N, C-alpha and C. Protein backbone atom coordinates (compact mmCIF):
# COMPACT_ATOMS: atom_id res chain seq x y z
N MET A 1 -185.09 231.09 25.02
CA MET A 1 -184.06 230.95 26.02
C MET A 1 -184.18 232.12 26.99
N THR A 2 -184.13 231.83 28.26
CA THR A 2 -184.22 232.90 29.25
C THR A 2 -182.90 233.64 29.33
N PRO A 3 -182.90 234.85 29.87
CA PRO A 3 -181.63 235.59 30.03
C PRO A 3 -180.62 234.81 30.89
N GLU A 4 -181.11 234.11 31.91
CA GLU A 4 -180.20 233.33 32.77
C GLU A 4 -179.57 232.18 31.99
N GLU A 5 -180.37 231.51 31.15
CA GLU A 5 -179.85 230.42 30.34
C GLU A 5 -178.82 230.93 29.33
N LYS A 6 -179.09 232.09 28.78
CA LYS A 6 -178.16 232.69 27.83
C LYS A 6 -176.83 233.02 28.50
N LEU A 7 -176.89 233.54 29.73
CA LEU A 7 -175.66 233.82 30.49
C LEU A 7 -174.88 232.54 30.77
N ARG A 8 -175.59 231.49 31.16
CA ARG A 8 -174.93 230.21 31.39
C ARG A 8 -174.26 229.69 30.13
N LEU A 9 -174.99 229.76 29.02
CA LEU A 9 -174.44 229.31 27.74
C LEU A 9 -173.20 230.12 27.38
N ASP A 10 -173.28 231.43 27.55
CA ASP A 10 -172.13 232.28 27.23
C ASP A 10 -170.91 231.94 28.10
N SER A 11 -171.15 231.60 29.36
CA SER A 11 -170.01 231.23 30.22
C SER A 11 -169.38 229.92 29.75
N TRP A 12 -170.19 228.97 29.29
CA TRP A 12 -169.64 227.72 28.75
C TRP A 12 -168.85 227.97 27.46
N VAL A 13 -169.38 228.85 26.64
CA VAL A 13 -168.69 229.19 25.39
C VAL A 13 -167.33 229.79 25.71
N LYS A 14 -167.32 230.73 26.65
CA LYS A 14 -166.07 231.40 27.01
C LYS A 14 -165.09 230.43 27.67
N ARG A 15 -165.60 229.63 28.58
CA ARG A 15 -164.75 228.67 29.29
C ARG A 15 -164.14 227.66 28.34
N GLY A 16 -164.91 227.25 27.32
CA GLY A 16 -164.42 226.29 26.34
C GLY A 16 -163.61 226.92 25.23
N LYS A 17 -163.47 228.24 25.27
CA LYS A 17 -162.70 229.00 24.27
C LYS A 17 -163.24 228.78 22.86
N TYR A 18 -164.55 228.78 22.75
CA TYR A 18 -165.20 228.69 21.45
C TYR A 18 -165.35 230.11 20.90
N ALA A 19 -165.37 230.23 19.60
CA ALA A 19 -165.49 231.54 18.96
C ALA A 19 -166.89 232.13 19.14
N CYS A 20 -167.90 231.26 19.17
CA CYS A 20 -169.28 231.75 19.27
C CYS A 20 -170.17 230.64 19.82
N ARG A 21 -171.40 231.00 20.12
CA ARG A 21 -172.37 230.03 20.63
C ARG A 21 -172.58 228.89 19.65
N SER A 22 -172.64 229.24 18.36
CA SER A 22 -172.89 228.21 17.35
C SER A 22 -171.81 227.13 17.37
N ASP A 23 -170.55 227.53 17.50
CA ASP A 23 -169.46 226.54 17.56
C ASP A 23 -169.62 225.64 18.78
N TYR A 24 -169.99 226.24 19.90
CA TYR A 24 -170.18 225.45 21.11
C TYR A 24 -171.33 224.45 20.91
N MET A 25 -172.43 224.93 20.36
CA MET A 25 -173.60 224.07 20.17
C MET A 25 -173.27 222.92 19.20
N ARG A 26 -172.57 223.22 18.11
CA ARG A 26 -172.20 222.16 17.17
C ARG A 26 -171.34 221.10 17.85
N SER A 27 -170.39 221.55 18.66
CA SER A 27 -169.50 220.58 19.31
C SER A 27 -170.27 219.71 20.28
N ARG A 28 -171.28 220.28 20.96
CA ARG A 28 -172.08 219.50 21.90
C ARG A 28 -173.04 218.55 21.17
N ILE A 29 -173.64 219.03 20.11
CA ILE A 29 -174.61 218.21 19.38
C ILE A 29 -173.92 217.06 18.65
N PHE A 30 -172.84 217.39 17.95
CA PHE A 30 -172.18 216.39 17.11
C PHE A 30 -170.99 215.72 17.80
N ARG A 31 -170.74 216.10 19.05
CA ARG A 31 -169.63 215.54 19.83
C ARG A 31 -168.29 215.62 19.09
N THR A 32 -168.05 216.76 18.49
CA THR A 32 -166.78 216.97 17.79
C THR A 32 -166.08 218.17 18.38
N VAL A 33 -164.81 218.20 18.15
CA VAL A 33 -164.02 219.35 18.56
C VAL A 33 -163.29 219.83 17.32
N ASP A 34 -163.88 220.80 16.66
CA ASP A 34 -163.30 221.33 15.43
C ASP A 34 -162.69 222.71 15.64
N ARG A 35 -162.19 222.95 16.81
CA ARG A 35 -161.59 224.25 17.05
C ARG A 35 -160.18 224.27 16.48
N LYS A 36 -159.88 225.35 15.82
CA LYS A 36 -158.55 225.49 15.24
C LYS A 36 -157.60 226.06 16.29
N GLN A 37 -156.44 225.47 16.37
CA GLN A 37 -155.41 225.97 17.25
C GLN A 37 -154.40 226.73 16.39
N ILE A 38 -154.21 227.98 16.72
CA ILE A 38 -153.27 228.80 15.96
C ILE A 38 -152.12 229.18 16.88
N SER A 39 -150.90 228.85 16.46
CA SER A 39 -149.74 229.28 17.23
C SER A 39 -148.94 230.25 16.39
N LEU A 40 -148.52 231.31 17.04
CA LEU A 40 -147.79 232.37 16.35
C LEU A 40 -146.43 232.56 16.99
N ASP A 41 -145.47 232.91 16.15
CA ASP A 41 -144.17 233.23 16.71
C ASP A 41 -144.23 234.64 17.30
N ALA A 42 -143.19 235.02 18.02
CA ALA A 42 -143.17 236.31 18.72
C ALA A 42 -143.29 237.49 17.76
N GLU A 43 -142.63 237.40 16.61
CA GLU A 43 -142.69 238.50 15.63
C GLU A 43 -144.10 238.70 15.10
N THR A 44 -144.77 237.60 14.76
CA THR A 44 -146.13 237.68 14.25
C THR A 44 -147.08 238.22 15.31
N THR A 45 -146.90 237.77 16.55
CA THR A 45 -147.73 238.26 17.65
C THR A 45 -147.59 239.77 17.79
N GLU A 46 -146.36 240.25 17.73
CA GLU A 46 -146.13 241.70 17.84
C GLU A 46 -146.75 242.45 16.66
N GLN A 47 -146.64 241.88 15.47
CA GLN A 47 -147.23 242.52 14.30
C GLN A 47 -148.75 242.59 14.42
N LEU A 48 -149.35 241.54 14.93
CA LEU A 48 -150.80 241.54 15.09
C LEU A 48 -151.24 242.52 16.19
N LYS A 49 -150.45 242.65 17.23
CA LYS A 49 -150.75 243.65 18.26
C LYS A 49 -150.66 245.05 17.67
N SER A 50 -149.66 245.27 16.85
CA SER A 50 -149.50 246.56 16.17
C SER A 50 -150.67 246.80 15.23
N LEU A 51 -151.08 245.77 14.53
CA LEU A 51 -152.21 245.86 13.62
C LEU A 51 -153.48 246.23 14.38
N ASP A 52 -153.69 245.61 15.52
CA ASP A 52 -154.84 245.93 16.36
C ASP A 52 -154.82 247.40 16.77
N PHE A 53 -153.65 247.89 17.15
CA PHE A 53 -153.49 249.30 17.53
C PHE A 53 -153.82 250.21 16.36
N GLU A 54 -153.31 249.88 15.18
CA GLU A 54 -153.55 250.69 13.99
C GLU A 54 -155.03 250.70 13.61
N LEU A 55 -155.68 249.54 13.69
CA LEU A 55 -157.11 249.48 13.37
C LEU A 55 -157.92 250.31 14.36
N ASN A 56 -157.50 250.33 15.62
CA ASN A 56 -158.17 251.16 16.61
C ASN A 56 -158.03 252.64 16.25
N LYS A 57 -156.83 253.04 15.82
CA LYS A 57 -156.60 254.43 15.41
C LYS A 57 -157.49 254.79 14.22
N ILE A 58 -157.65 253.87 13.29
CA ILE A 58 -158.52 254.11 12.13
C ILE A 58 -159.94 254.36 12.61
N GLY A 59 -160.40 253.53 13.52
CA GLY A 59 -161.74 253.70 14.06
C GLY A 59 -161.93 255.04 14.73
N VAL A 60 -160.93 255.47 15.48
CA VAL A 60 -161.00 256.78 16.14
C VAL A 60 -161.10 257.88 15.09
N ASN A 61 -160.26 257.82 14.06
CA ASN A 61 -160.31 258.84 13.00
C ASN A 61 -161.67 258.87 12.31
N LEU A 62 -162.20 257.71 11.98
CA LEU A 62 -163.49 257.66 11.31
C LEU A 62 -164.62 258.14 12.22
N ASN A 63 -164.53 257.82 13.50
CA ASN A 63 -165.54 258.32 14.44
C ASN A 63 -165.51 259.83 14.56
N GLN A 64 -164.30 260.42 14.59
CA GLN A 64 -164.19 261.88 14.65
C GLN A 64 -164.83 262.52 13.43
N LEU A 65 -164.54 261.96 12.29
CA LEU A 65 -165.08 262.52 11.05
C LEU A 65 -166.60 262.37 11.00
N SER A 66 -167.10 261.19 11.33
CA SER A 66 -168.55 261.00 11.26
C SER A 66 -169.28 261.85 12.29
N LYS A 67 -168.68 262.07 13.46
CA LYS A 67 -169.31 262.94 14.45
C LYS A 67 -169.41 264.36 13.91
N ARG A 68 -168.33 264.84 13.30
CA ARG A 68 -168.35 266.18 12.72
C ARG A 68 -169.41 266.30 11.63
N MET A 69 -169.46 265.27 10.78
CA MET A 69 -170.40 265.32 9.66
C MET A 69 -171.85 265.23 10.13
N ASN A 70 -172.10 264.49 11.19
CA ASN A 70 -173.47 264.31 11.68
C ASN A 70 -173.91 265.40 12.64
N SER A 71 -172.99 266.21 13.13
CA SER A 71 -173.32 267.24 14.10
C SER A 71 -174.00 268.44 13.46
N PHE A 72 -173.72 268.69 12.20
CA PHE A 72 -174.23 269.87 11.53
C PHE A 72 -174.94 269.45 10.25
N SER A 73 -176.16 269.95 10.06
CA SER A 73 -176.94 269.54 8.89
C SER A 73 -176.32 270.04 7.59
N GLY A 74 -175.69 271.21 7.61
CA GLY A 74 -175.11 271.75 6.38
C GLY A 74 -173.60 271.59 6.32
N TYR A 75 -173.10 270.52 6.94
CA TYR A 75 -171.64 270.34 7.03
C TYR A 75 -171.03 270.07 5.67
N ARG A 76 -169.93 270.75 5.39
CA ARG A 76 -169.17 270.49 4.17
C ARG A 76 -167.81 269.91 4.55
N MET A 77 -167.40 268.92 3.80
CA MET A 77 -166.14 268.24 4.08
C MET A 77 -164.97 269.18 3.85
N SER A 78 -164.08 269.25 4.84
CA SER A 78 -162.91 270.13 4.75
C SER A 78 -161.69 269.35 4.27
N ASP A 79 -160.61 270.08 4.03
CA ASP A 79 -159.35 269.42 3.65
C ASP A 79 -158.86 268.52 4.77
N GLN A 80 -159.09 268.94 6.01
CA GLN A 80 -158.68 268.11 7.15
C GLN A 80 -159.47 266.79 7.15
N ASP A 81 -160.77 266.87 6.83
CA ASP A 81 -161.58 265.65 6.74
C ASP A 81 -161.07 264.73 5.64
N ARG A 82 -160.75 265.32 4.50
CA ARG A 82 -160.21 264.51 3.40
C ARG A 82 -158.88 263.87 3.81
N HIS A 83 -158.08 264.63 4.55
CA HIS A 83 -156.80 264.11 5.03
C HIS A 83 -157.04 262.92 5.98
N LEU A 84 -158.03 263.05 6.89
CA LEU A 84 -158.35 261.95 7.80
C LEU A 84 -158.81 260.71 7.05
N LEU A 85 -159.64 260.91 6.03
CA LEU A 85 -160.09 259.77 5.23
C LEU A 85 -158.94 259.11 4.50
N ARG A 86 -158.06 259.90 3.93
CA ARG A 86 -156.89 259.37 3.22
C ARG A 86 -156.00 258.60 4.18
N GLN A 87 -155.81 259.18 5.38
CA GLN A 87 -154.98 258.53 6.39
C GLN A 87 -155.61 257.20 6.82
N ALA A 88 -156.91 257.18 7.03
CA ALA A 88 -157.60 255.94 7.41
C ALA A 88 -157.49 254.91 6.29
N PHE A 89 -157.66 255.34 5.06
CA PHE A 89 -157.54 254.43 3.92
C PHE A 89 -156.13 253.84 3.85
N ASP A 90 -155.12 254.68 4.00
CA ASP A 90 -153.73 254.21 3.95
C ASP A 90 -153.45 253.21 5.07
N GLN A 91 -153.96 253.49 6.27
CA GLN A 91 -153.74 252.59 7.40
C GLN A 91 -154.45 251.25 7.17
N MET A 92 -155.66 251.31 6.63
CA MET A 92 -156.37 250.06 6.35
C MET A 92 -155.65 249.24 5.29
N ARG A 93 -155.09 249.91 4.28
CA ARG A 93 -154.35 249.20 3.25
C ARG A 93 -153.12 248.53 3.85
N ASP A 94 -152.40 249.24 4.73
CA ASP A 94 -151.23 248.65 5.38
C ASP A 94 -151.61 247.44 6.23
N CYS A 95 -152.72 247.55 6.96
CA CYS A 95 -153.19 246.43 7.78
C CYS A 95 -153.55 245.24 6.90
N LEU A 96 -154.21 245.50 5.79
CA LEU A 96 -154.57 244.43 4.86
C LEU A 96 -153.33 243.73 4.32
N LEU A 97 -152.29 244.48 4.00
CA LEU A 97 -151.05 243.87 3.49
C LEU A 97 -150.43 242.95 4.53
N ILE A 98 -150.45 243.37 5.78
CA ILE A 98 -149.90 242.54 6.86
C ILE A 98 -150.72 241.25 7.00
N LEU A 99 -152.05 241.40 6.99
CA LEU A 99 -152.90 240.21 7.10
C LEU A 99 -152.70 239.25 5.93
N GLN A 100 -152.61 239.81 4.73
CA GLN A 100 -152.40 238.95 3.55
C GLN A 100 -151.08 238.19 3.65
N LYS A 101 -150.06 238.84 4.17
CA LYS A 101 -148.76 238.21 4.33
C LYS A 101 -148.86 236.98 5.26
N HIS A 102 -149.64 237.13 6.34
CA HIS A 102 -149.73 236.03 7.32
C HIS A 102 -150.74 234.97 6.91
N LEU A 103 -151.62 235.28 6.01
CA LEU A 103 -152.59 234.29 5.58
C LEU A 103 -152.05 233.36 4.50
N ARG A 104 -150.96 233.71 3.91
CA ARG A 104 -150.39 232.88 2.84
C ARG A 104 -149.61 231.72 3.37
């Protein structure tokens, strides 16, 4: 596939609100529309936005720690690093609990 064809395909995927190229291709080949429609109430939407924010914070914390660890060959983990890891773990656990609640 040429780069131009790939761009065209990606625009069709986006325009059709498909999750990925594979979903788009399946729908075109098999002439089916198996896209799931998910509707959320306002409270759930806000919780998911909050979850997205929290996951972003976790990523920032982990990036800070990994940058520190990779910047120096003889780096030793400090109490602050351990605190960041514990904080990231706690935030991920909280996010998981929220997701589990909505998946049930």
